[in-house]
Amino acid sequence: MLQNIGVPGLILILVIALVIFGPSKLPEIGRAFGSTLKEFKKSTRDLVSDEEETKEKKEKKHLA
C-alpha cells in the first residue's frame, strides 16, 4: 500500500499533517515516531537472533 503513494501523495500527507497538528507539534511527533520505529526494529532483530540461536541448538542436538 505504501509503495503506491509516490512523491505527490507524500507531500499532500505532510501538508495535511502540518495543517492538523501545526508546526510546533510536528518535531515532537517525528521524534516519537522515530523512537517507536527504532524500538520496533530492535525487537525484530532480537526475535530473529533468538530464533536463529534456537534453530542452531536444535541442529547441534540432532547431529550429536
PDB file of N, CA and C in Angstrom:
ATOM      1  N   MET A   1       0.812  -1.184   0.000  1.00  0.00           N
ATOM      2  CA  MET A   1       0.000   0.000   0.000  1.00  0.00           C
ATOM      3  C   MET A   1       0.864   1.260   0.000  1.00  0.00           C
ATOM      4  N   LEU A   2       1.886   1.304   0.866  1.00  0.00           N
ATOM      5  CA  LEU A   2       2.734   2.481   0.943  1.00  0.00           C
ATOM      6  C   LEU A   2       3.589   2.657  -0.307  1.00  0.00           C
ATOM      7  N   GLN A   3       3.751   1.617  -1.087  1.00  0.00           N
ATOM      8  CA  GLN A   3       4.572   1.701  -2.279  1.00  0.00           C
ATOM      9  C   GLN A   3       3.879   2.522  -3.363  1.00  0.00           C
ATOM     10  N   ASN A   4       2.595   2.651  -3.302  1.00  0.00           N
ATOM     11  CA  ASN A   4       1.829   3.346  -4.334  1.00  0.00           C
ATOM     12  C   ASN A   4       1.623   4.834  -4.043  1.00  0.00           C
ATOM     13  N   ILE A   5       2.166   5.342  -2.936  1.00  0.00           N
ATOM     14  CA  ILE A   5       1.910   6.734  -2.560  1.00  0.00           C
ATOM     15  C   ILE A   5       2.612   7.694  -3.510  1.00  0.00           C
ATOM     16  N   GLY A   6       3.900   7.573  -3.677  1.00  0.00           N
ATOM     17  CA  GLY A   6       4.637   8.474  -4.557  1.00  0.00           C
ATOM     18  C   GLY A   6       4.925   9.809  -3.893  1.00  0.00           C
ATOM     19  N   VAL A   7       5.673  10.644  -4.578  1.00  0.00           N
ATOM     20  CA  VAL A   7       6.086  11.936  -4.037  1.00  0.00           C
ATOM     21  C   VAL A   7       4.902  12.898  -3.867  1.00  0.00           C
ATOM     22  N   PRO A   8       4.019  13.051  -4.856  1.00  0.00           N
ATOM     23  CA  PRO A   8       2.887  13.980  -4.647  1.00  0.00           C
ATOM     24  C   PRO A   8       1.992  13.575  -3.474  1.00  0.00           C
ATOM     25  N   GLY A   9       1.773  12.305  -3.311  1.00  0.00           N
ATOM     26  CA  GLY A   9       0.970  11.833  -2.189  1.00  0.00           C
ATOM     27  C   GLY A   9       1.644  12.089  -0.857  1.00  0.00           C
ATOM     28  N   LEU A  10       2.951  11.900  -0.811  1.00  0.00           N
ATOM     29  CA  LEU A  10       3.705  12.150   0.407  1.00  0.00           C
ATOM     30  C   LEU A  10       3.663  13.631   0.776  1.00  0.00           C
ATOM     31  N   ILE A  11       3.806  14.500  -0.216  1.00  0.00           N
ATOM     32  CA  ILE A  11       3.729  15.943   0.036  1.00  0.00           C
ATOM     33  C   ILE A  11       2.344  16.310   0.551  1.00  0.00           C
ATOM     34  N   LEU A  12       1.303  15.735  -0.030  1.00  0.00           N
ATOM     35  CA  LEU A  12      -0.063  16.005   0.424  1.00  0.00           C
ATOM     36  C   LEU A  12      -0.259  15.577   1.874  1.00  0.00           C
ATOM     37  N   ILE A  13       0.253  14.413   2.231  1.00  0.00           N
ATOM     38  CA  ILE A  13       0.150  13.931   3.612  1.00  0.00           C
ATOM     39  C   ILE A  13       0.878  14.866   4.566  1.00  0.00           C
ATOM     40  N   LEU A  14       2.061  15.323   4.189  1.00  0.00           N
ATOM     41  CA  LEU A  14       2.814  16.245   5.046  1.00  0.00           C
ATOM     42  C   LEU A  14       2.097  17.585   5.220  1.00  0.00           C
ATOM     43  N   VAL A  15       1.494  18.092   4.156  1.00  0.00           N
ATOM     44  CA  VAL A  15       0.749  19.354   4.255  1.00  0.00           C
ATOM     45  C   VAL A  15      -0.463  19.193   5.167  1.00  0.00           C
ATOM     46  N   ILE A  16      -1.167  18.091   5.030  1.00  0.00           N
ATOM     47  CA  ILE A  16      -2.334  17.838   5.893  1.00  0.00           C
ATOM     48  C   ILE A  16      -1.898  17.718   7.355  1.00  0.00           C
ATOM     49  N   ALA A  17      -0.790  17.032   7.597  1.00  0.00           N
ATOM     50  CA  ALA A  17      -0.280  16.905   8.965  1.00  0.00           C
ATOM     51  C   ALA A  17       0.109  18.268   9.519  1.00  0.00           C
ATOM     52  N   LEU A  18       0.707  19.109   8.697  1.00  0.00           N
ATOM     53  CA  LEU A  18       1.086  20.446   9.134  1.00  0.00           C
ATOM     54  C   LEU A  18      -0.141  21.271   9.499  1.00  0.00           C
ATOM     55  N   VAL A  19      -1.196  21.152   8.714  1.00  0.00           N
ATOM     56  CA  VAL A  19      -2.426  21.909   8.991  1.00  0.00           C
ATOM     57  C   VAL A  19      -3.098  21.388  10.262  1.00  0.00           C
ATOM     58  N   ILE A  20      -3.137  20.081  10.429  1.00  0.00           N
ATOM     59  CA  ILE A  20      -3.835  19.489  11.581  1.00  0.00           C
ATOM     60  C   ILE A  20      -3.072  19.735  12.885  1.00  0.00           C
ATOM     61  N   PHE A  21      -1.780  19.444  12.901  1.00  0.00           N
ATOM     62  CA  PHE A  21      -1.018  19.492  14.150  1.00  0.00           C
ATOM     63  C   PHE A  21      -0.306  20.823  14.378  1.00  0.00           C
ATOM     64  N   GLY A  22      -0.051  21.563  13.342  1.00  0.00           N
ATOM     65  CA  GLY A  22       0.659  22.832  13.494  1.00  0.00           C
ATOM     66  C   GLY A  22       2.160  22.612  13.490  1.00  0.00           C
ATOM     67  N   PRO A  23       2.908  23.656  13.198  1.00  0.00           N
ATOM     68  CA  PRO A  23       4.363  23.499  13.070  1.00  0.00           C
ATOM     69  C   PRO A  23       5.076  23.203  14.388  1.00  0.00           C
ATOM     70  N   SER A  24       4.487  23.549  15.513  1.00  0.00           N
ATOM     71  CA  SER A  24       5.175  23.321  16.788  1.00  0.00           C
ATOM     72  C   SER A  24       5.116  21.862  17.232  1.00  0.00           C
ATOM     73  N   LYS A  25       4.101  21.131  16.829  1.00  0.00           N
ATOM     74  CA  LYS A  25       3.936  19.736  17.250  1.00  0.00           C
ATOM     75  C   LYS A  25       4.632  18.738  16.324  1.00  0.00           C
ATOM     76  N   LEU A  26       4.900  19.115  15.088  1.00  0.00           N
ATOM     77  CA  LEU A  26       5.468  18.161  14.121  1.00  0.00           C
ATOM     78  C   LEU A  26       6.811  17.583  14.557  1.00  0.00           C
ATOM     79  N   PRO A  27       7.767  18.386  15.081  1.00  0.00           N
ATOM     80  CA  PRO A  27       9.031  17.771  15.522  1.00  0.00           C
ATOM     81  C   PRO A  27       8.839  16.744  16.644  1.00  0.00           C
ATOM     82  N   GLU A  28       7.923  17.049  17.549  1.00  0.00           N
ATOM     83  CA  GLU A  28       7.636  16.122  18.647  1.00  0.00           C
ATOM     84  C   GLU A  28       7.046  14.809  18.121  1.00  0.00           C
ATOM     85  N   ILE A  29       6.133  14.917  17.177  1.00  0.00           N
ATOM     86  CA  ILE A  29       5.515  13.738  16.576  1.00  0.00           C
ATOM     87  C   ILE A  29       6.558  12.938  15.801  1.00  0.00           C
ATOM     88  N   GLY A  30       7.441  13.637  15.095  1.00  0.00           N
ATOM     89  CA  GLY A  30       8.513  12.959  14.355  1.00  0.00           C
ATOM     90  C   GLY A  30       9.453  12.197  15.267  1.00  0.00           C
ATOM     91  N   ARG A  31       9.829  12.805  16.392  1.00  0.00           N
ATOM     92  CA  ARG A  31      10.699  12.119  17.355  1.00  0.00           C
ATOM     93  C   ARG A  31      10.016  10.884  17.930  1.00  0.00           C
ATOM     94  N   ALA A  32       8.748  11.018  18.274  1.00  0.00           N
ATOM     95  CA  ALA A  32       8.011   9.884  18.830  1.00  0.00           C
ATOM     96  C   ALA A  32       7.916   8.753  17.804  1.00  0.00           C
ATOM     97  N   PHE A  33       7.641   9.106  16.561  1.00  0.00           N
ATOM     98  CA  PHE A  33       7.562   8.098  15.508  1.00  0.00           C
ATOM     99  C   PHE A  33       8.922   7.425  15.298  1.00  0.00           C
ATOM    100  N   GLY A  34       9.991   8.215  15.306  1.00  0.00           N
ATOM    101  CA  GLY A  34      11.329   7.673  15.128  1.00  0.00           C
ATOM    102  C   GLY A  34      11.718   6.727  16.251  1.00  0.00           C
ATOM    103  N   SER A  35      11.431   7.104  17.484  1.00  0.00           N
ATOM    104  CA  SER A  35      11.782   6.221  18.603  1.00  0.00           C
ATOM    105  C   SER A  35      10.946   4.946  18.577  1.00  0.00           C
ATOM    106  N   THR A  36       9.704   5.045  18.166  1.00  0.00           N
ATOM    107  CA  THR A  36       8.862   3.857  18.047  1.00  0.00           C
ATOM    108  C   THR A  36       9.391   2.916  16.973  1.00  0.00           C
ATOM    109  N   LEU A  37       9.791   3.481  15.844  1.00  0.00           N
ATOM    110  CA  LEU A  37      10.350   2.683  14.759  1.00  0.00           C
ATOM    111  C   LEU A  37      11.657   2.022  15.184  1.00  0.00           C
ATOM    112  N   LYS A  38      12.478   2.751  15.921  1.00  0.00           N
ATOM    113  CA  LYS A  38      13.757   2.221  16.411  1.00  0.00           C
ATOM    114  C   LYS A  38      13.520   1.024  17.351  1.00  0.00           C
ATOM    115  N   GLU A  39      12.572   1.164  18.265  1.00  0.00           N
ATOM    116  CA  GLU A  39      12.245   0.066  19.182  1.00  0.00           C
ATOM    117  C   GLU A  39      11.703  -1.148  18.427  1.00  0.00           C
ATOM    118  N   PHE A  40      10.875  -0.906  17.423  1.00  0.00           N
ATOM    119  CA  PHE A  40      10.317  -1.995  16.631  1.00  0.00           C
ATOM    120  C   PHE A  40      11.429  -2.756  15.919  1.00  0.00           C
ATOM    121  N   LYS A  41      12.369  -2.037  15.312  1.00  0.00           N
ATOM    122  CA  LYS A  41      13.483  -2.683  14.620  1.00  0.00           C
ATOM    123  C   LYS A  41      14.348  -3.482  15.597  1.00  0.00           C
ATOM    124  N   LYS A  42      14.599  -2.917  16.776  1.00  0.00           N
ATOM    125  CA  LYS A  42      15.405  -3.607  17.784  1.00  0.00           C
ATOM    126  C   LYS A  42      14.716  -4.900  18.227  1.00  0.00           C
ATOM    127  N   SER A  43      13.426  -4.830  18.471  1.00  0.00           N
ATOM    128  CA  SER A  43      12.678  -6.017  18.886  1.00  0.00           C
ATOM    129  C   SER A  43      12.674  -7.074  17.792  1.00  0.00           C
ATOM    130  N   THR A  44      12.534  -6.645  16.554  1.00  0.00           N
ATOM    131  CA  THR A  44      12.541  -7.584  15.437  1.00  0.00           C
ATOM    132  C   THR A  44      13.887  -8.276  15.320  1.00  0.00           C
ATOM    133  N   ARG A  45      14.975  -7.506  15.445  1.00  0.00           N
ATOM    134  CA  ARG A  45      16.321  -8.111  15.396  1.00  0.00           C
ATOM    135  C   ARG A  45      16.513  -9.115  16.524  1.00  0.00           C
ATOM    136  N   ASP A  46      16.046  -8.766  17.728  1.00  0.00           N
ATOM    137  CA  ASP A  46      16.175  -9.675  18.867  1.00  0.00           C
ATOM    138  C   ASP A  46      15.403 -10.971  18.625  1.00  0.00           C
ATOM    139  N   LEU A  47      14.196 -10.860  18.089  1.00  0.00           N
ATOM    140  CA  LEU A  47      13.400 -12.053  17.819  1.00  0.00           C
ATOM    141  C   LEU A  47      14.065 -12.938  16.770  1.00  0.00           C
ATOM    142  N   VAL A  48      14.600 -12.324  15.725  1.00  0.00           N
ATOM    143  CA  VAL A  48      15.251 -13.094  14.669  1.00  0.00           C
ATOM    144  C   VAL A  48      16.500 -13.776  15.206  1.00  0.00           C
ATOM    145  N   SER A  49      17.294 -13.069  16.005  1.00  0.00           N
ATOM    146  CA  SER A  49      18.511 -13.680  16.538  1.00  0.00           C
ATOM    147  C   SER A  49      18.176 -14.810  17.511  1.00  0.00           C
ATOM    148  N   ASP A  50      17.120 -14.633  18.324  1.00  0.00           N
ATOM    149  CA  ASP A  50      16.698 -15.708  19.226  1.00  0.00           C
ATOM    150  C   ASP A  50      16.243 -16.935  18.435  1.00  0.00           C
ATOM    151  N   GLU A  51      15.527 -16.693  17.355  1.00  0.00           N
ATOM    152  CA  GLU A  51      15.047 -17.786  16.506  1.00  0.00           C
ATOM    153  C   GLU A  51      16.231 -18.548  15.892  1.00  0.00           C
ATOM    154  N   GLU A  52      17.234 -17.811  15.426  1.00  0.00           N
ATOM    155  CA  GLU A  52      18.407 -18.445  14.818  1.00  0.00           C
ATOM    156  C   GLU A  52      19.189 -19.254  15.850  1.00  0.00           C
ATOM    157  N   GLU A  53      19.321 -18.718  17.067  1.00  0.00           N
ATOM    158  CA  GLU A  53      20.026 -19.446  18.118  1.00  0.00           C
ATOM    159  C   GLU A  53      19.301 -20.743  18.463  1.00  0.00           C
ATOM    160  N   THR A  54      17.993 -20.692  18.559  1.00  0.00           N
ATOM    161  CA  THR A  54      17.206 -21.884  18.862  1.00  0.00           C
ATOM    162  C   THR A  54      17.354 -22.916  17.751  1.00  0.00           C
ATOM    163  N   LYS A  55      17.342 -22.463  16.528  1.00  0.00           N
ATOM    164  CA  LYS A  55      17.483 -23.350  15.382  1.00  0.00           C
ATOM    165  C   LYS A  55      18.858 -24.027  15.380  1.00  0.00           C
ATOM    166  N   GLU A  56      19.916 -23.250  15.686  1.00  0.00           N
ATOM    167  CA  GLU A  56      21.268 -23.807  15.736  1.00  0.00           C
ATOM    168  C   GLU A  56      21.399 -24.841  16.851  1.00  0.00           C
ATOM    169  N   LYS A  57      20.801 -24.578  18.003  1.00  0.00           N
ATOM    170  CA  LYS A  57      20.863 -25.520  19.115  1.00  0.00           C
ATOM    171  C   LYS A  57      20.171 -26.830  18.758  1.00  0.00           C
ATOM    172  N   LYS A  58      19.032 -26.732  18.066  1.00  0.00           N
ATOM    173  CA  LYS A  58      18.312 -27.941  17.657  1.00  0.00           C
ATOM    174  C   LYS A  58      19.131 -28.744  16.655  1.00  0.00           C
ATOM    175  N   GLU A  59      19.814 -28.039  15.736  1.00  0.00           N
ATOM    176  CA  GLU A  59      20.642 -28.739  14.747  1.00  0.00           C
ATOM    177  C   GLU A  59      21.815 -29.441  15.410  1.00  0.00           C
ATOM    178  N   LYS A  60      22.466 -28.780  16.361  1.00  0.00           N
ATOM    179  CA  LYS A  60      23.588 -29.385  17.069  1.00  0.00           C
ATOM    180  C   LYS A  60      23.136 -30.599  17.874  1.00  0.00           C
ATOM    181  N   LYS A  61      21.964 -30.471  18.509  1.00  0.00           N
ATOM    182  CA  LYS A  61      21.427 -31.574  19.301  1.00  0.00           C
ATOM    183  C   LYS A  61      21.090 -32.758  18.412  1.00  0.00           C
ATOM    184  N   HIS A  62      20.571 -32.483  17.233  1.00  0.00           N
ATOM    185  CA  HIS A  62      20.185 -33.523  16.284  1.00  0.00           C
ATOM    186  C   HIS A  62      21.434 -34.240  15.743  1.00  0.00           C
ATOM    187  N   LEU A  63      22.521 -33.507  15.511  1.00  0.00           N
ATOM    188  CA  LEU A  63      23.741 -34.092  14.970  1.00  0.00           C
ATOM    189  C   LEU A  63      24.484 -34.925  16.017  1.00  0.00           C
ATOM    190  N   ALA A  64      24.347 -34.595  17.273  1.00  0.00           N
ATOM    191  CA  ALA A  64      25.078 -35.308  18.323  1.00  0.00           C
ATOM    192  C   ALA A  64      24.508 -36.653  18.651  1.00  0.00           C
TER     193      ALA A  64
END
